[in-house]
């Protein structure tokens, strides 16, 4: 998956999860989460500013 495809999937997930006008589609959300999880690590995720954010270790 290219960076562009990955970012599009993240944007679509954000819309599906946070747009109150979009009906909840759990199966589609889980499928998309599985796709993006294959690329990224569990402890790192893109921050809104576009930079990679890793939460502090506990």
Protein backbone atom coordinates (compact mmCIF):
# COMPACT_ATOMS: atom_id res chain seq x y z
CA UNK A 1 0.00 0.00 0.00
CA UNK A 2 1.42 3.38 -0.97
CA UNK A 3 1.58 6.33 1.40
CA UNK A 4 -1.23 7.98 -0.55
CA UNK A 5 -3.50 4.93 -0.25
CA UNK A 6 -2.66 4.59 3.45
CA UNK A 7 -3.50 8.24 4.12
CA UNK A 8 -6.76 7.97 2.16
CA UNK A 9 -7.79 4.97 4.26
CA UNK A 10 -7.00 6.86 7.46
CA UNK A 11 -9.02 9.84 6.26
CA UNK A 12 -11.94 7.58 5.36
CA UNK A 13 -11.75 5.88 8.77
CA UNK A 14 -11.77 9.26 10.45
CA UNK A 15 -14.87 10.23 8.48
CA UNK A 16 -16.65 6.94 9.22
CA UNK A 17 -15.93 7.21 12.92
CA UNK A 18 -16.38 10.93 13.53
CA UNK A 19 -18.86 12.35 11.03
CA UNK A 20 -22.26 12.35 12.73
CA UNK A 21 -24.03 12.37 9.34
CA UNK A 22 -22.47 9.03 8.29
CA UNK A 23 -24.25 5.88 9.49
CA UNK A 24 -22.08 3.49 11.51
CA UNK A 25 -20.74 0.64 9.36
CA UNK A 26 -18.91 -1.69 11.77
CA UNK A 27 -17.91 -4.35 9.21
CA UNK A 28 -16.40 -1.76 6.87
CA UNK A 29 -14.57 -0.05 9.74
CA UNK A 30 -13.07 -3.33 10.99
CA UNK A 31 -11.97 -4.26 7.46
CA UNK A 32 -10.26 -0.91 6.98
CA UNK A 33 -8.63 -1.10 10.41
CA UNK A 34 -7.22 -4.52 9.54
CA UNK A 35 -5.76 -3.12 6.31
CA UNK A 36 -4.04 -0.16 7.95
CA UNK A 37 -2.87 -2.27 10.90
CA UNK A 38 -0.83 -4.40 8.51
CA UNK A 39 1.25 -1.36 7.67
CA UNK A 40 1.64 0.50 10.98
CA UNK A 41 2.74 -0.55 14.42
CA UNK A 42 0.31 -0.69 17.31
CA UNK A 43 2.14 1.95 19.37
CA UNK A 44 2.56 4.58 16.64
CA UNK A 45 -0.06 6.49 14.76
CA UNK A 46 -0.24 9.66 12.66
CA UNK A 47 -0.97 12.75 14.67
CA UNK A 48 -3.26 15.44 13.26
CA UNK A 49 -0.30 17.64 12.43
CA UNK A 50 0.97 14.93 10.07
CA UNK A 51 3.87 13.99 12.28
CA UNK A 52 4.26 10.56 13.80
CA UNK A 53 3.33 10.45 17.47
CA UNK A 54 4.37 7.65 19.79
CA UNK A 55 2.76 7.65 23.23
CA UNK A 56 5.16 7.49 26.17
CA UNK A 57 6.01 4.04 27.49
CA UNK A 58 4.21 3.10 30.68
